[in-house]
C-alpha atoms as a PDB file:
ATOM      1  CA  MET A   1     153.149 226.516  99.950  1.00  0.00           C
ATOM      2  CA  SER A   2     154.361 228.960  97.353  1.00  0.00           C
ATOM      3  CA  ILE A   3     157.936 228.640  96.147  1.00  0.00           C
ATOM      4  CA  ASN A   4     160.018 231.810  96.209  1.00  0.00           C
ATOM      5  CA  ARG A   5     163.598 232.419  95.199  1.00  0.00           C
ATOM      6  CA  VAL A   6     164.477 233.684  98.668  1.00  0.00           C
ATOM      7  CA  THR A   7     162.557 234.223 101.906  1.00  0.00           C
ATOM      8  CA  VAL A   8     164.127 236.101 104.806  1.00  0.00           C
ATOM      9  CA  LEU A   9     162.143 236.062 108.019  1.00  0.00           C
ATOM     10  CA  VAL A  10     162.234 239.183 110.194  1.00  0.00           C
ATOM     11  CA  ALA A  11     161.839 238.107 113.814  1.00  0.00           C
ATOM     12  CA  ALA A  12     159.777 240.545 115.899  1.00  0.00           C
ATOM     13  CA  HIS A  13     157.701 240.425 119.060  1.00  0.00           C
ATOM     14  CA  LYS A  14     155.928 243.741 118.449  1.00  0.00           C
ATOM     15  CA  ASN A  15     154.857 246.017 115.636  1.00  0.00           C
ATOM     16  CA  TYR A  16     157.800 247.767 114.005  1.00  0.00           C
ATOM     17  CA  GLN A  17     158.703 249.226 110.652  1.00  0.00           C
ATOM     18  CA  MET A  18     159.518 246.413 108.235  1.00  0.00           C
ATOM     19  CA  PRO A  19     161.517 246.204 104.992  1.00  0.00           C
ATOM     20  CA  THR A  20     159.326 246.534 101.931  1.00  0.00           C
ATOM     21  CA  ASP A  21     161.288 244.239  99.614  1.00  0.00           C
ATOM     22  CA  SER A  22     159.285 241.159  98.662  1.00  0.00           C
ATOM     23  CA  MET A  23     161.858 238.696 100.013  1.00  0.00           C
ATOM     24  CA  TYR A  24     161.077 239.650 103.630  1.00  0.00           C
ATOM     25  CA  LEU A  25     158.459 237.909 105.752  1.00  0.00           C
ATOM     26  CA  PRO A  26     157.745 239.620 109.100  1.00  0.00           C
ATOM     27  CA  MET A  27     157.434 236.928 111.767  1.00  0.00           C
ATOM     28  CA  HIS A  28     155.669 237.305 115.114  1.00  0.00           C
ATOM     29  CA  VAL A  29     157.867 235.201 117.394  1.00  0.00           C
ATOM     30  CA  GLY A  30     156.448 233.831 120.632  1.00  0.00           C
ATOM     31  CA  SER A  31     152.960 234.395 119.223  1.00  0.00           C
ATOM     32  CA  LEU A  32     151.339 231.462 121.013  1.00  0.00           C
ATOM     33  CA  GLY A  33     148.436 232.735 123.098  1.00  0.00           C
ATOM     34  CA  LYS A  34     148.926 236.326 121.951  1.00  0.00           C
ATOM     35  CA  LYS A  35     146.832 238.596 119.761  1.00  0.00           C
ATOM     36  CA  SER A  36     147.817 239.043 116.143  1.00  0.00           C
ATOM     37  CA  ILE A  37     150.088 241.948 115.279  1.00  0.00           C
ATOM     38  CA  GLY A  38     149.556 241.400 111.543  1.00  0.00           C
ATOM     39  CA  TYR A  39     152.682 239.322 110.917  1.00  0.00           C
ATOM     40  CA  GLN A  40     153.123 235.639 110.150  1.00  0.00           C
ATOM     41  CA  ARG A  41     152.763 233.823 113.479  1.00  0.00           C
ATOM     42  CA  ASP A  42     155.314 231.281 114.665  1.00  0.00           C
ATOM     43  CA  ASP A  43     152.553 229.169 116.288  1.00  0.00           C
ATOM     44  CA  ASP A  44     151.167 228.232 112.884  1.00  0.00           C
ATOM     45  CA  GLY A  45     151.885 224.820 111.354  1.00  0.00           C
ATOM     46  CA  ASP A  46     154.757 222.751 112.732  1.00  0.00           C
ATOM     47  CA  ASN A  47     156.244 225.018 115.380  1.00  0.00           C
ATOM     48  CA  ILE A  48     157.979 225.506 118.746  1.00  0.00           C
ATOM     49  CA  SER A  49     156.406 228.892 119.553  1.00  0.00           C
ATOM     50  CA  GLU A  50     156.008 227.932 123.220  1.00  0.00           C
ATOM     51  CA  LEU A  51     159.800 227.767 123.513  1.00  0.00           C
ATOM     52  CA  ASN A  52     160.334 231.378 122.434  1.00  0.00           C
ATOM     53  CA  PRO A  53     161.079 232.634 125.991  1.00  0.00           C
ATOM     54  CA  TYR A  54     164.123 230.339 125.850  1.00  0.00           C
ATOM     55  CA  PHE A  55     164.991 229.927 122.169  1.00  0.00           C
ATOM     56  CA  CYS A  56     164.392 233.584 121.133  1.00  0.00           C
ATOM     57  CA  GLU A  57     164.505 234.085 117.335  1.00  0.00           C
ATOM     58  CA  LEU A  58     165.278 230.411 116.800  1.00  0.00           C
ATOM     59  CA  THR A  59     161.543 229.721 116.963  1.00  0.00           C
ATOM     60  CA  ALA A  60     161.351 231.643 113.688  1.00  0.00           C
ATOM     61  CA  LEU A  61     164.237 229.613 112.281  1.00  0.00           C
ATOM     62  CA  TYR A  62     162.443 226.404 113.237  1.00  0.00           C
ATOM     63  CA  TRP A  63     159.206 227.619 111.684  1.00  0.00           C
ATOM     64  CA  ALA A  64     160.990 228.459 108.424  1.00  0.00           C
ATOM     65  CA  TRP A  65     162.622 225.015 108.392  1.00  0.00           C
ATOM     66  CA  LYS A  66     159.291 223.242 108.778  1.00  0.00           C
ATOM     67  CA  ASN A  67     156.950 225.528 106.825  1.00  0.00           C
ATOM     68  CA  ILE A  68     158.797 227.453 104.093  1.00  0.00           C
ATOM     69  CA  ASP A  69     159.706 225.989 100.698  1.00  0.00           C
ATOM     70  CA  SER A  70     162.098 228.479  99.115  1.00  0.00           C
ATOM     71  CA  ASP A  71     165.401 228.128  97.310  1.00  0.00           C
ATOM     72  CA  TYR A  72     167.126 230.292  99.949  1.00  0.00           C
ATOM     73  CA  ILE A  73     165.922 230.872 103.488  1.00  0.00           C
ATOM     74  CA  GLY A  74     167.230 233.478 105.904  1.00  0.00           C
ATOM     75  CA  LEU A  75     166.697 235.210 109.222  1.00  0.00           C
ATOM     76  CA  SER A  76     167.146 238.798 110.379  1.00  0.00           C
ATOM     77  CA  HIS A  77     165.805 240.887 113.263  1.00  0.00           C
ATOM     78  CA  TYR A  78     163.370 243.791 113.378  1.00  0.00           C
ATOM     79  CA  ARG A  79     166.122 246.148 114.584  1.00  0.00           C
ATOM     80  CA  ARG A  80     169.062 244.553 112.778  1.00  0.00           C
ATOM     81  CA  HIS A  81     169.303 243.890 109.061  1.00  0.00           C
ATOM     82  CA  PHE A  82     171.734 242.978 106.307  1.00  0.00           C
ATOM     83  CA  THR A  83     172.851 245.889 104.130  1.00  0.00           C
ATOM     84  CA  LEU A  84     175.350 246.737 101.411  1.00  0.00           C
ATOM     85  CA  HIS A  85     175.297 250.375 102.613  1.00  0.00           C
ATOM     86  CA  PRO A  86     176.081 250.286 106.352  1.00  0.00           C
ATOM     87  CA  HIS A  87     176.733 254.031 106.606  1.00  0.00           C
ATOM     88  CA  ALA A  88     173.657 255.203 104.732  1.00  0.00           C
ATOM     89  CA  LYS A  89     171.677 258.048 106.277  1.00  0.00           C
ATOM     90  CA  ASP A  90     168.396 256.548 105.084  1.00  0.00           C
ATOM     91  CA  LYS A  91     168.658 253.249 106.937  1.00  0.00           C
ATOM     92  CA  TRP A  92     165.407 251.735 105.750  1.00  0.00           C
ATOM     93  CA  ASN A  93     166.227 252.332 102.113  1.00  0.00           C
ATOM     94  CA  ALA A  94     169.619 250.739 102.744  1.00  0.00           C
ATOM     95  CA  VAL A  95     168.256 247.402 103.972  1.00  0.00           C
ATOM     96  CA  LEU A  96     169.393 244.589 101.677  1.00  0.00           C
ATOM     97  CA  LYS A  97     167.178 243.960  98.659  1.00  0.00           C
ATOM     98  CA  GLU A  98     166.868 240.725  96.732  1.00  0.00           C
ATOM     99  CA  LYS A  99     168.012 242.346  93.501  1.00  0.00           C
ATOM    100  CA  GLU A 100     171.291 243.300  95.199  1.00  0.00           C
ATOM    101  CA  ILE A 101     172.247 239.675  95.758  1.00  0.00           C
ATOM    102  CA  GLU A 102     170.355 237.790  93.031  1.00  0.00           C
ATOM    103  CA  SER A 103     173.512 237.626  90.883  1.00  0.00           C
ATOM    104  CA  ASP A 104     175.214 235.817  93.783  1.00  0.00           C
ATOM    105  CA  PHE A 105     172.737 232.955  93.949  1.00  0.00           C
ATOM    106  CA  ASN A 106     174.631 230.946  91.358  1.00  0.00           C
ATOM    107  CA  THR A 107     177.862 231.013  93.360  1.00  0.00           C
ATOM    108  CA  VAL A 108     177.047 231.761  97.017  1.00  0.00           C
ATOM    109  CA  LYS A 109     175.392 229.208  99.276  1.00  0.00           C
ATOM    110  CA  VAL A 110     175.672 230.961 102.631  1.00  0.00           C
ATOM    111  CA  PHE A 111     175.335 234.699 103.291  1.00  0.00           C
ATOM    112  CA  VAL A 112     176.503 235.701 106.772  1.00  0.00           C
ATOM    113  CA  PRO A 113     176.880 238.945 108.713  1.00  0.00           C
ATOM    114  CA  VAL A 114     180.367 240.410 108.851  1.00  0.00           C
ATOM    115  CA  LYS A 115     182.515 238.906 111.608  1.00  0.00           C
ATOM    116  CA  ARG A 116     181.960 240.271 115.080  1.00  0.00           C
ATOM    117  CA  ARG A 117     185.352 240.649 116.746  1.00  0.00           C
ATOM    118  CA  TYR A 118     185.922 240.455 120.473  1.00  0.00           C
ATOM    119  CA  TYR A 119     189.677 241.206 120.436  1.00  0.00           C
ATOM    120  CA  ILE A 120     190.374 240.583 124.141  1.00  0.00           C
ATOM    121  CA  GLU A 121     188.045 237.573 124.458  1.00  0.00           C
ATOM    122  CA  THR A 122     187.562 234.222 122.764  1.00  0.00           C
ATOM    123  CA  LEU A 123     184.039 233.076 121.991  1.00  0.00           C
ATOM    124  CA  TYR A 124     184.264 230.748 124.971  1.00  0.00           C
ATOM    125  CA  SER A 125     185.716 233.239 127.476  1.00  0.00           C
ATOM    126  CA  HIS A 126     183.269 235.966 126.465  1.00  0.00           C
ATOM    127  CA  TYR A 127     180.355 233.604 127.002  1.00  0.00           C
ATOM    128  CA  ALA A 128     181.782 232.312 130.286  1.00  0.00           C
ATOM    129  CA  HIS A 129     182.215 235.861 131.616  1.00  0.00           C
ATOM    130  CA  THR A 130     178.787 237.130 130.540  1.00  0.00           C
ATOM    131  CA  HIS A 131     176.654 233.979 130.911  1.00  0.00           C
ATOM    132  CA  TYR A 132     177.257 230.457 132.279  1.00  0.00           C
ATOM    133  CA  SER A 133     180.023 228.307 130.837  1.00  0.00           C
ATOM    134  CA  ILE A 134     178.282 225.054 131.831  1.00  0.00           C
ATOM    135  CA  GLN A 135     175.917 225.653 128.926  1.00  0.00           C
ATOM    136  CA  LEU A 136     178.758 225.514 126.427  1.00  0.00           C
ATOM    137  CA  ASP A 137     180.466 222.686 128.263  1.00  0.00           C
ATOM    138  CA  GLU A 138     177.324 220.578 128.107  1.00  0.00           C
ATOM    139  CA  THR A 139     176.883 221.497 124.438  1.00  0.00           C
ATOM    140  CA  ARG A 140     180.377 220.164 123.772  1.00  0.00           C
ATOM    141  CA  LYS A 141     179.500 216.866 125.475  1.00  0.00           C
ATOM    142  CA  ILE A 142     176.379 216.532 123.347  1.00  0.00           C
ATOM    143  CA  ILE A 143     178.283 217.231 120.134  1.00  0.00           C
ATOM    144  CA  GLU A 144     181.029 214.808 121.137  1.00  0.00           C
ATOM    145  CA  LYS A 145     178.418 212.088 121.694  1.00  0.00           C
ATOM    146  CA  LYS A 146     176.077 212.724 118.764  1.00  0.00           C
ATOM    147  CA  TYR A 147     178.324 214.393 116.171  1.00  0.00           C
ATOM    148  CA  PRO A 148     181.908 213.430 117.095  1.00  0.00           C
ATOM    149  CA  GLU A 149     183.239 214.519 113.695  1.00  0.00           C
ATOM    150  CA  TYR A 150     182.395 218.122 114.729  1.00  0.00           C
ATOM    151  CA  ILE A 151     184.360 218.158 117.977  1.00  0.00           C
ATOM    152  CA  SER A 152     187.667 219.414 116.542  1.00  0.00           C
ATOM    153  CA  SER A 153     185.821 222.265 114.814  1.00  0.00           C
ATOM    154  CA  TYR A 154     184.026 223.009 118.075  1.00  0.00           C
ATOM    155  CA  ASP A 155     187.273 223.292 120.000  1.00  0.00           C
ATOM    156  CA  LYS A 156     188.866 225.439 117.319  1.00  0.00           C
ATOM    157  CA  VAL A 157     185.908 227.805 116.927  1.00  0.00           C
ATOM    158  CA  LEU A 158     185.471 228.370 120.659  1.00  0.00           C
ATOM    159  CA  LYS A 159     189.077 229.627 120.760  1.00  0.00           C
ATOM    160  CA  GLN A 160     188.406 232.200 118.036  1.00  0.00           C
ATOM    161  CA  ARG A 161     188.115 235.890 118.884  1.00  0.00           C
ATOM    162  CA  TRP A 162     185.446 236.413 116.243  1.00  0.00           C
ATOM    163  CA  GLY A 163     182.237 234.850 115.031  1.00  0.00           C
ATOM    164  CA  TYR A 164     179.263 235.181 112.721  1.00  0.00           C
ATOM    165  CA  MET A 165     176.713 236.144 115.328  1.00  0.00           C
ATOM    166  CA  PHE A 166     173.045 237.021 115.892  1.00  0.00           C
ATOM    167  CA  ASN A 167     171.655 233.804 114.325  1.00  0.00           C
ATOM    168  CA  MET A 168     171.510 235.747 111.062  1.00  0.00           C
ATOM    169  CA  MET A 169     172.114 234.088 107.714  1.00  0.00           C
ATOM    170  CA  ILE A 170     170.642 233.480 104.272  1.00  0.00           C
ATOM    171  CA  MET A 171     171.288 229.911 103.112  1.00  0.00           C
ATOM    172  CA  ASP A 172     170.770 227.491 100.303  1.00  0.00           C
ATOM    173  CA  ARG A 173     167.725 225.389 101.194  1.00  0.00           C
ATOM    174  CA  ASN A 174     169.546 222.065 101.335  1.00  0.00           C
ATOM    175  CA  LEU A 175     172.248 223.431 103.627  1.00  0.00           C
ATOM    176  CA  PHE A 176     169.585 225.173 105.688  1.00  0.00           C
ATOM    177  CA  ASN A 177     167.805 221.851 106.206  1.00  0.00           C
ATOM    178  CA  ASP A 178     171.049 220.174 107.263  1.00  0.00           C
ATOM    179  CA  TYR A 179     171.904 222.980 109.659  1.00  0.00           C
ATOM    180  CA  CYS A 180     168.496 223.078 111.342  1.00  0.00           C
ATOM    181  CA  GLU A 181     168.380 219.326 111.790  1.00  0.00           C
ATOM    182  CA  TRP A 182     171.804 219.432 113.457  1.00  0.00           C
ATOM    183  CA  LEU A 183     171.114 222.567 115.514  1.00  0.00           C
ATOM    184  CA  PHE A 184     167.761 221.634 116.983  1.00  0.00           C
ATOM    185  CA  ASP A 185     168.840 218.080 117.733  1.00  0.00           C
ATOM    186  CA  ILE A 186     171.629 219.549 119.875  1.00  0.00           C
ATOM    187  CA  LEU A 187     169.514 222.266 121.512  1.00  0.00           C
ATOM    188  CA  PHE A 188     166.631 219.948 122.427  1.00  0.00           C
ATOM    189  CA  GLU A 189     169.146 217.603 124.028  1.00  0.00           C
ATOM    190  CA  LEU A 190     170.729 220.555 125.839  1.00  0.00           C
ATOM    191  CA  ARG A 191     167.357 221.561 127.243  1.00  0.00           C
ATOM    192  CA  ALA A 192     166.722 217.993 128.403  1.00  0.00           C
ATOM    193  CA  LYS A 193     170.096 218.026 130.193  1.00  0.00           C
ATOM    194  CA  LEU A 194     170.085 221.502 131.763  1.00  0.00           C
ATOM    195  CA  GLY A 195     166.707 223.212 131.425  1.00  0.00           C
ATOM    196  CA  GLU A 196     166.117 226.679 132.873  1.00  0.00           C
ATOM    197  CA  GLU A 197     165.602 226.025 136.594  1.00  0.00           C
ATOM    198  CA  GLY A 198     167.115 228.728 138.783  1.00  0.00           C
ATOM    199  CA  LEU A 199     167.801 231.091 135.887  1.00  0.00           C
ATOM    200  CA  THR A 200     166.392 234.574 135.408  1.00  0.00           C
ATOM    201  CA  PRO A 201     164.228 235.137 132.315  1.00  0.00           C
ATOM    202  CA  PHE A 202     167.221 236.857 130.675  1.00  0.00           C
ATOM    203  CA  HIS A 203     169.602 233.987 131.322  1.00  0.00           C
ATOM    204  CA  SER A 204     166.956 231.406 130.425  1.00  0.00           C
ATOM    205  CA  ARG A 205     167.323 232.495 126.807  1.00  0.00           C
ATOM    206  CA  TYR A 206     170.685 230.776 126.512  1.00  0.00           C
ATOM    207  CA  TYR A 207     169.654 228.389 123.741  1.00  0.00           C
ATOM    208  CA  GLY A 208     169.570 231.272 121.283  1.00  0.00           C
ATOM    209  CA  ARG A 209     173.033 232.361 122.444  1.00  0.00           C
ATOM    210  CA  VAL A 210     174.450 228.871 122.170  1.00  0.00           C
ATOM    211  CA  GLY A 211     172.879 228.629 118.725  1.00  0.00           C
ATOM    212  CA  GLU A 212     174.663 231.701 117.404  1.00  0.00           C
ATOM    213  CA  ILE A 213     177.993 230.303 118.576  1.00  0.00           C
ATOM    214  CA  ILE A 214     177.617 226.788 117.254  1.00  0.00           C
ATOM    215  CA  PHE A 215     176.456 228.072 113.880  1.00  0.00           C
ATOM    216  CA  ASN A 216     180.123 228.895 113.469  1.00  0.00           C
ATOM    217  CA  VAL A 217     181.008 225.309 114.413  1.00  0.00           C
ATOM    218  CA  TRP A 218     178.614 223.878 111.841  1.00  0.00           C
ATOM    219  CA  LEU A 219     179.922 226.230 109.155  1.00  0.00           C
ATOM    220  CA  ALA A 220     183.597 225.534 109.936  1.00  0.00           C
ATOM    221  CA  GLU A 221     183.102 221.759 109.851  1.00  0.00           C
ATOM    222  CA  ASN A 222     181.219 221.863 106.551  1.00  0.00           C
ATOM    223  CA  VAL A 223     183.990 223.963 105.009  1.00  0.00           C
ATOM    224  CA  LYS A 224     186.546 221.501 106.357  1.00  0.00           C
ATOM    225  CA  ASN A 225     184.736 218.455 104.987  1.00  0.00           C
ATOM    226  CA  GLY A 226     184.202 220.091 101.596  1.00  0.00           C
ATOM    227  CA  LYS A 227     180.434 220.373 101.693  1.00  0.00           C
ATOM    228  CA  ILE A 228     180.810 224.147 101.508  1.00  0.00           C
ATOM    229  CA  ASN A 229     183.585 225.930  99.638  1.00  0.00           C
ATOM    230  CA  LYS A 230     184.979 229.062 101.285  1.00  0.00           C
ATOM    231  CA  ASN A 231     184.126 230.942  98.107  1.00  0.00           C
ATOM    232  CA  GLU A 232     180.504 229.971  98.596  1.00  0.00           C
ATOM    233  CA  ILE A 233     180.292 232.052 101.796  1.00  0.00           C
ATOM    234  CA  LYS A 234     179.718 235.795 101.498  1.00  0.00           C
ATOM    235  CA  GLU A 235     179.874 238.295 104.343  1.00  0.00           C
ATOM    236  CA  ILE A 236     177.372 241.167 104.301  1.00  0.00           C
ATOM    237  CA  PRO A 237     177.510 244.181 106.662  1.00  0.00           C
ATOM    238  CA  LEU A 238     174.794 244.869 109.212  1.00  0.00           C
ATOM    239  CA  ILE A 239     172.793 247.968 109.895  1.00  0.00           C
ATOM    240  CA  HIS A 240     171.158 248.709 113.259  1.00  0.00           C
ATOM    241  CA  MET A 241     167.876 250.556 113.026  1.00  0.00           C
ATOM    242  CA  GLU A 242     168.280 252.183 116.463  1.00  0.00           C
ATOM    243  CA  LYS A 243     171.248 253.753 118.186  1.00  0.00           C
ATOM    244  CA  ILE A 244     173.340 251.468 120.382  1.00  0.00           C
ATOM    245  CA  ASN A 245     174.569 252.690 123.763  1.00  0.00           C
ATOM    246  CA  TRP A 246     178.176 251.658 123.220  1.00  0.00           C
ATOM    247  CA  TRP A 247     179.251 253.129 126.570  1.00  0.00           C
ATOM    248  CA  LYS A 248     176.751 250.975 128.461  1.00  0.00           C
ATOM    249  CA  LYS A 249     177.542 247.941 126.330  1.00  0.00           C
ATOM    250  CA  GLY A 250     181.304 248.407 126.593  1.00  0.00           C
ATOM    251  CA  THR A 251     181.190 249.009 130.335  1.00  0.00           C
ATOM    252  CA  ALA A 252     179.148 245.833 130.864  1.00  0.00           C
ATOM    253  CA  PHE A 253     181.589 243.911 128.664  1.00  0.00           C
ATOM    254  CA  LEU A 254     184.621 245.053 130.723  1.00  0.00           C
ATOM    255  CA  LYS A 255     182.873 244.448 134.053  1.00  0.00           C
ATOM    256  CA  ALA A 256     182.021 240.926 132.930  1.00  0.00           C
ATOM    257  CA  LYS A 257     185.617 240.205 131.962  1.00  0.00           C
ATOM    258  CA  PHE A 258     187.427 241.787 134.882  1.00  0.00           C
ATOM    259  CA  THR A 259     184.969 241.657 137.814  1.00  0.00           C
ATOM    260  CA  GLY A 260     182.882 238.587 136.989  1.00  0.00           C
ATOM    261  CA  LYS A 261     179.631 240.591 136.831  1.00  0.00           C
ATOM    262  CA  LYS A 262     177.462 238.735 134.329  1.00  0.00           C
ATOM    263  CA  TYR A 263     175.063 240.472 131.936  1.00  0.00           C
ATOM    264  CA  SER A 264     171.643 241.090 133.423  1.00  0.00           C
ATOM    265  CA  GLY A 265     169.798 242.220 130.320  1.00  0.00           C
ATOM    266  CA  SER A 266     170.034 243.068 126.644  1.00  0.00           C
ATOM    267  CA  PHE A 267     171.490 246.327 125.339  1.00  0.00           C
END
């Protein structure tokens, strides 16, 4: 395997315009049994491609953990990228480039998207209203059993009204290894405990959603124990490559909170 300064996977399930900067590696997630779309497949090497209907972009994260040897490893999405110019008219030219952050590599260990704020919801209540709280409750039990030192950070983070979401990050390789080992140990146990029986295909993808929440738990605990200094974390804005229907998204959010109507699909 070649060694690069930084490799950021771009998770995609179909052909789409991709960033041209050399740090990006387009990744065909859920590629097992499917024809090539010209991107790196996630069924190559050590992989969990068959779990993509449930783990979403985390199959790309797993593949990077097992198959990429870079100093920094990251993950973004084909329609959502890091940027230092979130209001740029030319969105594709605004996508983050390696040269824009290379001066940070000596001091920053974890690049994260800017906080997503929920204002009227905590991370737990938002999940409970839009999905199924048992999935977070069982995750807590697993963490309490396998990683008890994390439980106070779990309880604190789930009461926050903000989080670093979307399973997006760019991380120092050593920290990335630690995170993935922790994350997938928990998620594989969660699947063994709950599985997907009785869930719609949309709600069966809860492992990816749990993952984006407990990333915040892992990060908070490693700041608390001194493994990561707060100054070694840098927030970077996001840019969405397509328009978001905020009316539809906001209406669904309010219905979930006040009427109990859970999400039925992505926005």
